[in-house]
Amino acid sequence: MIDWWESYFDAHYLLEYEPIFTQQRDRHEVARLIDVLALPVGSRICDVPCGQGRHAHPLAEAGFLVEGLDYSQHLIDKARARGTGPSLKYTRGDMRKLPARWTGRFDAVLNLFTSFGFTVDARDDARTIREFARVLKPDGVLVWHGASRDGVMARFLSRDWWKSDDGTMIGHERSFDPLSGILSIQTNWEGPSGSGTRAHRIRLYTASRLAELCLDAGLVVEEAYDGFRNRSLPRRAG
């Protein structure tokens, strides 16, 4: 039996999410990444999972040497269609076991857009962070971007819906299990091309628990930001 993430990132995924992946958004996120990383042009960056290349491609255009990896062949094909070359390469693979040749190769590893916590076995998440640490140079940087458990629960929506550009109505129904930390999401759609439903789930982490996983992998947590905004994660007191 395959897990949901092994088949989820297909043409329908792009139909649902590409409307929010605007060029303006991508440019803003890449500019913020370049600012946070503060790496010289020519530095090696690993984008994993890279999806359709919306960060990898502009980073390569900015002068970095970028390698992207994703499990979805569909998204890898889309990324390659945007262009490849000496400074931009794509590989299909599993981020729980990155290529052996990548050991100590990268100045930075990027794990973006809540691309973590997908598998049934929670131990896979610790394995994945250890893999990120393995492929970093001794002074390399991991940038992890995703939904935190605290943030999601603070503004939890059990349902929402919107209309895509082609008139398709898309709705989400959400539930959360506090014992496992699993957020389950059912997507329903109906439109000119038909209707359907499918589900996915994500294991959410608090910032403190994610920091523990990084420390256990030999990484040092230097800073936490509130998304792509130029603002450190707020610390609150009574």
C-alpha atoms as a PDB file:
ATOM      1  CA  MET A   1       0.000   0.000   0.000  1.00  0.00           C
ATOM      2  CA  ILE A   2       1.465   3.335  -1.034  1.00  0.00           C
ATOM      3  CA  ASP A   3       1.377   6.367   1.227  1.00  0.00           C
ATOM      4  CA  TRP A   4      -0.583   9.455   0.158  1.00  0.00           C
ATOM      5  CA  TRP A   5       2.460  11.586  -0.721  1.00  0.00           C
ATOM      6  CA  GLU A   6       3.716   9.020  -3.241  1.00  0.00           C
ATOM      7  CA  SER A   7       0.923   9.898  -5.691  1.00  0.00           C
ATOM      8  CA  TYR A   8      -0.456  13.235  -4.459  1.00  0.00           C
ATOM      9  CA  PHE A   9       1.880  15.666  -6.227  1.00  0.00           C
ATOM     10  CA  ASP A  10       0.481  15.377  -9.735  1.00  0.00           C
ATOM     11  CA  ALA A  11      -1.360  17.512 -12.281  1.00  0.00           C
ATOM     12  CA  HIS A  12      -4.284  18.051  -9.910  1.00  0.00           C
ATOM     13  CA  TYR A  13      -1.924  19.299  -7.199  1.00  0.00           C
ATOM     14  CA  LEU A  14      -0.665  21.950  -9.614  1.00  0.00           C
ATOM     15  CA  LEU A  15      -4.226  22.843 -10.646  1.00  0.00           C
ATOM     16  CA  GLU A  16      -5.027  23.471  -6.991  1.00  0.00           C
ATOM     17  CA  TYR A  17      -1.861  25.262  -5.891  1.00  0.00           C
ATOM     18  CA  GLU A  18      -0.310  26.976  -8.917  1.00  0.00           C
ATOM     19  CA  PRO A  19      -2.779  29.906  -8.700  1.00  0.00           C
ATOM     20  CA  ILE A  20      -1.195  30.867  -5.360  1.00  0.00           C
ATOM     21  CA  PHE A  21       2.365  30.302  -6.625  1.00  0.00           C
ATOM     22  CA  THR A  22       2.547  33.639  -8.420  1.00  0.00           C
ATOM     23  CA  GLN A  23       5.774  35.028  -9.872  1.00  0.00           C
ATOM     24  CA  GLN A  24       5.539  37.890  -7.390  1.00  0.00           C
ATOM     25  CA  ARG A  25       5.337  35.454  -4.477  1.00  0.00           C
ATOM     26  CA  ASP A  26       8.231  33.367  -5.807  1.00  0.00           C
ATOM     27  CA  ARG A  27      10.419  36.455  -6.301  1.00  0.00           C
ATOM     28  CA  HIS A  28       9.649  37.660  -2.783  1.00  0.00           C
ATOM     29  CA  GLU A  29      10.453  34.297  -1.218  1.00  0.00           C
ATOM     30  CA  VAL A  30      13.697  33.873  -3.157  1.00  0.00           C
ATOM     31  CA  ALA A  31      14.811  37.406  -2.285  1.00  0.00           C
ATOM     32  CA  ARG A  32      14.133  36.654   1.378  1.00  0.00           C
ATOM     33  CA  LEU A  33      16.079  33.389   1.162  1.00  0.00           C
ATOM     34  CA  ILE A  34      19.066  35.128  -0.400  1.00  0.00           C
ATOM     35  CA  ASP A  35      18.951  37.751   2.356  1.00  0.00           C
ATOM     36  CA  VAL A  36      18.766  35.172   5.165  1.00  0.00           C
ATOM     37  CA  LEU A  37      21.441  32.890   3.706  1.00  0.00           C
ATOM     38  CA  ALA A  38      23.892  35.718   2.962  1.00  0.00           C
ATOM     39  CA  LEU A  39      25.912  33.344   0.761  1.00  0.00           C
ATOM     40  CA  PRO A  40      28.256  34.435  -2.024  1.00  0.00           C
ATOM     41  CA  VAL A  41      27.280  33.822  -5.629  1.00  0.00           C
ATOM     42  CA  GLY A  42      28.445  30.373  -6.689  1.00  0.00           C
ATOM     43  CA  SER A  43      27.512  28.708  -3.402  1.00  0.00           C
ATOM     44  CA  ARG A  44      25.906  25.273  -3.625  1.00  0.00           C
ATOM     45  CA  ILE A  45      22.250  25.014  -2.597  1.00  0.00           C
ATOM     46  CA  CYS A  46      20.091  21.879  -2.291  1.00  0.00           C
ATOM     47  CA  ASP A  47      16.319  22.389  -2.639  1.00  0.00           C
ATOM     48  CA  VAL A  48      14.536  19.322  -1.283  1.00  0.00           C
ATOM     49  CA  PRO A  49      11.816  18.606  -2.145  1.00  0.00           C
ATOM     50  CA  CYS A  50      12.064  21.032  -5.033  1.00  0.00           C
ATOM     51  CA  GLY A  51       8.605  20.564  -6.550  1.00  0.00           C
ATOM     52  CA  GLN A  52       8.266  22.241  -9.934  1.00  0.00           C
ATOM     53  CA  GLY A  53      11.388  24.355  -9.372  1.00  0.00           C
ATOM     54  CA  ARG A  54       9.762  27.590  -8.285  1.00  0.00           C
ATOM     55  CA  HIS A  55      12.640  28.367  -5.889  1.00  0.00           C
ATOM     56  CA  ALA A  56      15.462  26.383  -7.509  1.00  0.00           C
ATOM     57  CA  HIS A  57      15.105  28.033 -10.906  1.00  0.00           C
ATOM     58  CA  PRO A  58      15.321  31.690  -9.768  1.00  0.00           C
ATOM     59  CA  LEU A  59      18.119  30.824  -7.318  1.00  0.00           C
ATOM     60  CA  ALA A  60      20.138  29.425 -10.222  1.00  0.00           C
ATOM     61  CA  GLU A  61      19.354  32.556 -12.232  1.00  0.00           C
ATOM     62  CA  ALA A  62      20.739  34.582  -9.303  1.00  0.00           C
ATOM     63  CA  GLY A  63      24.101  32.828  -9.676  1.00  0.00           C
ATOM     64  CA  PHE A  64      23.905  29.913  -7.246  1.00  0.00           C
ATOM     65  CA  LEU A  65      24.690  26.271  -8.059  1.00  0.00           C
ATOM     66  CA  VAL A  66      21.418  24.516  -7.318  1.00  0.00           C
ATOM     67  CA  GLU A  67      20.422  20.862  -7.157  1.00  0.00           C
ATOM     68  CA  GLY A  68      16.784  19.966  -6.624  1.00  0.00           C
ATOM     69  CA  LEU A  69      15.357  16.623  -5.546  1.00  0.00           C
ATOM     70  CA  ASP A  70      11.741  15.506  -5.457  1.00  0.00           C
ATOM     71  CA  TYR A  71       9.906  12.176  -5.272  1.00  0.00           C
ATOM     72  CA  SER A  72       7.234  13.248  -7.781  1.00  0.00           C
ATOM     73  CA  GLN A  73       8.234  12.483 -11.354  1.00  0.00           C
ATOM     74  CA  HIS A  74       5.481  14.818 -12.544  1.00  0.00           C
ATOM     75  CA  LEU A  75       6.935  17.770 -10.643  1.00  0.00           C
ATOM     76  CA  ILE A  76      10.502  16.900 -11.657  1.00  0.00           C
ATOM     77  CA  ASP A  77       9.391  16.911 -15.306  1.00  0.00           C
ATOM     78  CA  LYS A  78       7.754  20.318 -14.808  1.00  0.00           C
ATOM     79  CA  ALA A  79      10.913  21.650 -13.158  1.00  0.00           C
ATOM     80  CA  ARG A  80      13.158  20.377 -15.950  1.00  0.00           C
ATOM     81  CA  ALA A  81      10.851  21.929 -18.537  1.00  0.00           C
ATOM     82  CA  ARG A  82      11.680  25.345 -17.044  1.00  0.00           C
ATOM     83  CA  GLY A  83      15.313  24.747 -17.934  1.00  0.00           C
ATOM     84  CA  THR A  84      18.429  23.058 -16.591  1.00  0.00           C
ATOM     85  CA  GLY A  85      22.146  23.513 -17.104  1.00  0.00           C
ATOM     86  CA  PRO A  86      25.531  23.483 -15.354  1.00  0.00           C
ATOM     87  CA  SER A  87      24.136  25.557 -12.475  1.00  0.00           C
ATOM     88  CA  LEU A  88      20.788  23.755 -12.120  1.00  0.00           C
ATOM     89  CA  LYS A  89      20.159  20.014 -11.909  1.00  0.00           C
ATOM     90  CA  TYR A  90      17.141  17.964 -10.846  1.00  0.00           C
ATOM     91  CA  THR A  91      17.056  14.443  -9.430  1.00  0.00           C
ATOM     92  CA  ARG A  92      14.116  12.199  -8.602  1.00  0.00           C
ATOM     93  CA  GLY A  93      14.576  10.687  -5.160  1.00  0.00           C
ATOM     94  CA  ASP A  94      13.475  10.295  -1.549  1.00  0.00           C
ATOM     95  CA  MET A  95      14.637  12.920   0.939  1.00  0.00           C
ATOM     96  CA  ARG A  96      14.836  10.271   3.662  1.00  0.00           C
ATOM     97  CA  LYS A  97      17.866   8.882   1.797  1.00  0.00           C
ATOM     98  CA  LEU A  98      19.669  11.520  -0.228  1.00  0.00           C
ATOM     99  CA  PRO A  99      22.360  10.513  -2.750  1.00  0.00           C
ATOM    100  CA  ALA A 100      25.582   9.291  -1.119  1.00  0.00           C
ATOM    101  CA  ARG A 101      27.608  11.534  -3.433  1.00  0.00           C
ATOM    102  CA  TRP A 102      26.038  14.581  -1.770  1.00  0.00           C
ATOM    103  CA  THR A 103      27.783  14.091   1.589  1.00  0.00           C
ATOM    104  CA  GLY A 104      29.269  17.423   2.711  1.00  0.00           C
ATOM    105  CA  ARG A 105      28.415  19.026  -0.643  1.00  0.00           C
ATOM    106  CA  PHE A 106      26.103  21.966   0.078  1.00  0.00           C
ATOM    107  CA  ASP A 107      26.411  25.400   1.627  1.00  0.00           C
ATOM    108  CA  ALA A 108      22.652  25.379   2.238  1.00  0.00           C
ATOM    109  CA  VAL A 109      19.733  22.951   2.259  1.00  0.00           C
ATOM    110  CA  LEU A 110      16.212  24.299   1.745  1.00  0.00           C
ATOM    111  CA  ASN A 111      13.087  22.475   2.931  1.00  0.00           C
ATOM    112  CA  LEU A 112      10.207  24.784   2.050  1.00  0.00           C
ATOM    113  CA  PHE A 113       6.406  25.063   1.961  1.00  0.00           C
ATOM    114  CA  THR A 114       5.574  22.509   4.675  1.00  0.00           C
ATOM    115  CA  SER A 115       7.382  19.658   2.906  1.00  0.00           C
ATOM    116  CA  PHE A 116       7.969  17.618   6.051  1.00  0.00           C
ATOM    117  CA  GLY A 117       6.078  15.224   8.307  1.00  0.00           C
ATOM    118  CA  PHE A 118       4.364  13.318   5.492  1.00  0.00           C
ATOM    119  CA  THR A 119       5.129   9.689   6.364  1.00  0.00           C
ATOM    120  CA  VAL A 120       3.307   7.346   8.732  1.00  0.00           C
ATOM    121  CA  ASP A 121       6.446   6.658  10.777  1.00  0.00           C
ATOM    122  CA  ALA A 122       7.406   9.711  12.845  1.00  0.00           C
ATOM    123  CA  ARG A 123      10.975   8.417  13.005  1.00  0.00           C
ATOM    124  CA  ASP A 124      11.300   9.279   9.317  1.00  0.00           C
ATOM    125  CA  ASP A 125      11.296  12.955  10.245  1.00  0.00           C
ATOM    126  CA  ALA A 126      14.382  12.570  12.436  1.00  0.00           C
ATOM    127  CA  ARG A 127      16.035  10.508   9.670  1.00  0.00           C
ATOM    128  CA  THR A 128      15.275  13.237   7.146  1.00  0.00           C
ATOM    129  CA  ILE A 129      16.853  15.984   9.239  1.00  0.00           C
ATOM    130  CA  ARG A 130      19.920  13.800   9.755  1.00  0.00           C
ATOM    131  CA  GLU A 131      20.131  13.474   5.970  1.00  0.00           C
ATOM    132  CA  PHE A 132      19.934  17.246   5.609  1.00  0.00           C
ATOM    133  CA  ALA A 133      22.793  17.562   8.108  1.00  0.00           C
ATOM    134  CA  ARG A 134      24.842  14.910   6.270  1.00  0.00           C
ATOM    135  CA  VAL A 135      24.812  16.712   2.932  1.00  0.00           C
ATOM    136  CA  LEU A 136      25.695  20.102   4.438  1.00  0.00           C
ATOM    137  CA  LYS A 137      29.230  21.387   4.608  1.00  0.00           C
ATOM    138  CA  PRO A 138      30.540  21.790   8.195  1.00  0.00           C
ATOM    139  CA  ASP A 139      29.456  25.448   8.209  1.00  0.00           C
ATOM    140  CA  GLY A 140      26.352  24.901   6.058  1.00  0.00           C
ATOM    141  CA  VAL A 141      22.865  26.222   6.771  1.00  0.00           C
ATOM    142  CA  LEU A 142      19.481  24.452   6.828  1.00  0.00           C
ATOM    143  CA  VAL A 143      16.450  26.622   6.082  1.00  0.00           C
ATOM    144  CA  TRP A 144      13.216  24.911   7.103  1.00  0.00           C
ATOM    145  CA  HIS A 145       9.929  26.616   6.234  1.00  0.00           C
ATOM    146  CA  GLY A 146       6.566  25.186   7.129  1.00  0.00           C
ATOM    147  CA  ALA A 147       3.438  25.257   9.221  1.00  0.00           C
ATOM    148  CA  SER A 148       4.076  25.056  12.951  1.00  0.00           C
ATOM    149  CA  ARG A 149       1.672  23.249  15.244  1.00  0.00           C
ATOM    150  CA  ASP A 150       1.214  26.351  17.396  1.00  0.00           C
ATOM    151  CA  GLY A 151       0.534  28.584  14.411  1.00  0.00           C
ATOM    152  CA  VAL A 152      -1.961  26.234  12.760  1.00  0.00           C
ATOM    153  CA  MET A 153      -3.921  25.679  15.949  1.00  0.00           C
ATOM    154  CA  ALA A 154      -4.015  29.396  16.767  1.00  0.00           C
ATOM    155  CA  ARG A 155      -5.953  30.069  13.548  1.00  0.00           C
ATOM    156  CA  PHE A 156      -7.463  26.646  12.882  1.00  0.00           C
ATOM    157  CA  LEU A 157     -10.123  26.472  10.178  1.00  0.00           C
ATOM    158  CA  SER A 158     -12.142  23.274   9.947  1.00  0.00           C
ATOM    159  CA  ARG A 159     -13.395  24.229   6.473  1.00  0.00           C
ATOM    160  CA  ASP A 160     -12.688  26.662   3.669  1.00  0.00           C
ATOM    161  CA  TRP A 161     -13.252  26.876  -0.079  1.00  0.00           C
ATOM    162  CA  TRP A 162     -12.394  28.985  -3.120  1.00  0.00           C
ATOM    163  CA  LYS A 163     -12.882  29.121  -6.896  1.00  0.00           C
ATOM    164  CA  SER A 164      -9.961  28.472  -9.255  1.00  0.00           C
ATOM    165  CA  ASP A 165      -9.352  30.380 -12.484  1.00  0.00           C
ATOM    166  CA  ASP A 166     -11.184  27.750 -14.556  1.00  0.00           C
ATOM    167  CA  GLY A 167     -14.266  27.910 -12.325  1.00  0.00           C
ATOM    168  CA  THR A 168     -13.523  24.796 -10.275  1.00  0.00           C
ATOM    169  CA  MET A 169     -14.776  24.992  -6.687  1.00  0.00           C
ATOM    170  CA  ILE A 170     -12.163  23.634  -4.266  1.00  0.00           C
ATOM    171  CA  GLY A 171     -12.852  22.987  -0.586  1.00  0.00           C
ATOM    172  CA  HIS A 172     -10.830  21.713   2.367  1.00  0.00           C
ATOM    173  CA  GLU A 173     -12.092  19.899   5.458  1.00  0.00           C
ATOM    174  CA  ARG A 174      -9.583  19.609   8.321  1.00  0.00           C
ATOM    175  CA  SER A 175      -9.266  17.668  11.556  1.00  0.00           C
ATOM    176  CA  PHE A 176      -6.427  17.510  14.067  1.00  0.00           C
ATOM    177  CA  ASP A 177      -5.334  14.695  16.403  1.00  0.00           C
ATOM    178  CA  PRO A 178      -3.476  16.245  19.374  1.00  0.00           C
ATOM    179  CA  LEU A 179      -1.966  12.901  20.447  1.00  0.00           C
ATOM    180  CA  SER A 180      -0.236  12.130  17.149  1.00  0.00           C
ATOM    181  CA  GLY A 181       0.111  15.735  16.008  1.00  0.00           C
ATOM    182  CA  ILE A 182      -1.448  14.755  12.668  1.00  0.00           C
ATOM    183  CA  LEU A 183      -3.401  17.323  10.674  1.00  0.00           C
ATOM    184  CA  SER A 184      -5.724  15.508   8.228  1.00  0.00           C
ATOM    185  CA  ILE A 185      -7.039  17.415   5.213  1.00  0.00           C
ATOM    186  CA  GLN A 186      -9.697  16.260   2.761  1.00  0.00           C
ATOM    187  CA  THR A 187      -9.850  18.158  -0.523  1.00  0.00           C
ATOM    188  CA  ASN A 188     -13.087  18.191  -2.527  1.00  0.00           C
ATOM    189  CA  TRP A 189     -13.467  19.756  -5.956  1.00  0.00           C
ATOM    190  CA  GLU A 190     -16.140  20.185  -8.610  1.00  0.00           C
ATOM    191  CA  GLY A 191     -15.828  22.057 -11.875  1.00  0.00           C
ATOM    192  CA  PRO A 192     -15.795  21.977 -15.677  1.00  0.00           C
ATOM    193  CA  SER A 193     -13.321  19.085 -15.785  1.00  0.00           C
ATOM    194  CA  GLY A 194     -15.165  16.953 -13.236  1.00  0.00           C
ATOM    195  CA  SER A 195     -15.325  16.377  -9.502  1.00  0.00           C
ATOM    196  CA  GLY A 196     -13.484  14.349  -6.918  1.00  0.00           C
ATOM    197  CA  THR A 197     -12.035  14.071  -3.463  1.00  0.00           C
ATOM    198  CA  ARG A 198      -8.749  13.020  -1.919  1.00  0.00           C
ATOM    199  CA  ALA A 199      -6.976  13.319   1.404  1.00  0.00           C
ATOM    200  CA  HIS A 200      -3.549  14.004   2.814  1.00  0.00           C
ATOM    201  CA  ARG A 201      -2.052  14.371   6.268  1.00  0.00           C
ATOM    202  CA  ILE A 202       0.860  16.221   7.819  1.00  0.00           C
ATOM    203  CA  ARG A 203       2.595  15.712  11.139  1.00  0.00           C
ATOM    204  CA  LEU A 204       2.908  19.137  12.741  1.00  0.00           C
ATOM    205  CA  TYR A 205       5.669  20.179  15.126  1.00  0.00           C
ATOM    206  CA  THR A 206       6.044  22.960  17.627  1.00  0.00           C
ATOM    207  CA  ALA A 207       9.074  25.171  17.116  1.00  0.00           C
ATOM    208  CA  SER A 208      10.676  23.710  20.250  1.00  0.00           C
ATOM    209  CA  ARG A 209      10.235  20.093  19.119  1.00  0.00           C
ATOM    210  CA  LEU A 210      11.585  20.861  15.653  1.00  0.00           C
ATOM    211  CA  ALA A 211      14.580  22.543  17.280  1.00  0.00           C
ATOM    212  CA  GLU A 212      15.186  19.355  19.302  1.00  0.00           C
ATOM    213  CA  LEU A 213      15.210  17.261  16.111  1.00  0.00           C
ATOM    214  CA  CYS A 214      17.754  19.631  14.574  1.00  0.00           C
ATOM    215  CA  LEU A 215      19.957  19.574  17.673  1.00  0.00           C
ATOM    216  CA  ASP A 216      19.822  15.768  17.748  1.00  0.00           C
ATOM    217  CA  ALA A 217      21.122  15.782  14.150  1.00  0.00           C
ATOM    218  CA  GLY A 218      24.100  17.919  15.146  1.00  0.00           C
ATOM    219  CA  LEU A 219      22.710  21.214  13.888  1.00  0.00           C
ATOM    220  CA  VAL A 220      22.712  24.487  15.816  1.00  0.00           C
ATOM    221  CA  VAL A 221      19.461  26.472  15.786  1.00  0.00           C
ATOM    222  CA  GLU A 222      20.441  30.101  15.228  1.00  0.00           C
ATOM    223  CA  GLU A 223      17.167  31.871  14.483  1.00  0.00           C
ATOM    224  CA  ALA A 224      13.439  31.358  13.986  1.00  0.00           C
ATOM    225  CA  TYR A 225      11.383  33.616  11.743  1.00  0.00           C
ATOM    226  CA  ASP A 226       7.687  34.267  11.314  1.00  0.00           C
ATOM    227  CA  GLY A 227       7.320  32.829   7.833  1.00  0.00           C
ATOM    228  CA  PHE A 228       9.030  34.736   5.012  1.00  0.00           C
ATOM    229  CA  ARG A 229       8.531  38.037   6.832  1.00  0.00           C
ATOM    230  CA  ASN A 230      11.620  39.841   8.076  1.00  0.00           C
ATOM    231  CA  ARG A 231      10.591  39.263  11.665  1.00  0.00           C
ATOM    232  CA  SER A 232      11.924  36.883  14.276  1.00  0.00           C
ATOM    233  CA  LEU A 233       9.480  34.442  15.838  1.00  0.00           C
ATOM    234  CA  PRO A 234       7.873  36.401  18.696  1.00  0.00           C
ATOM    235  CA  ARG A 235       8.571  35.442  22.278  1.00  0.00           C
ATOM    236  CA  ARG A 236       5.608  36.132  24.525  1.00  0.00           C
ATOM    237  CA  ALA A 237       5.327  36.612  28.260  1.00  0.00           C
ATOM    238  CA  GLY A 238       2.289  37.064  30.484  1.00  0.00           C
END
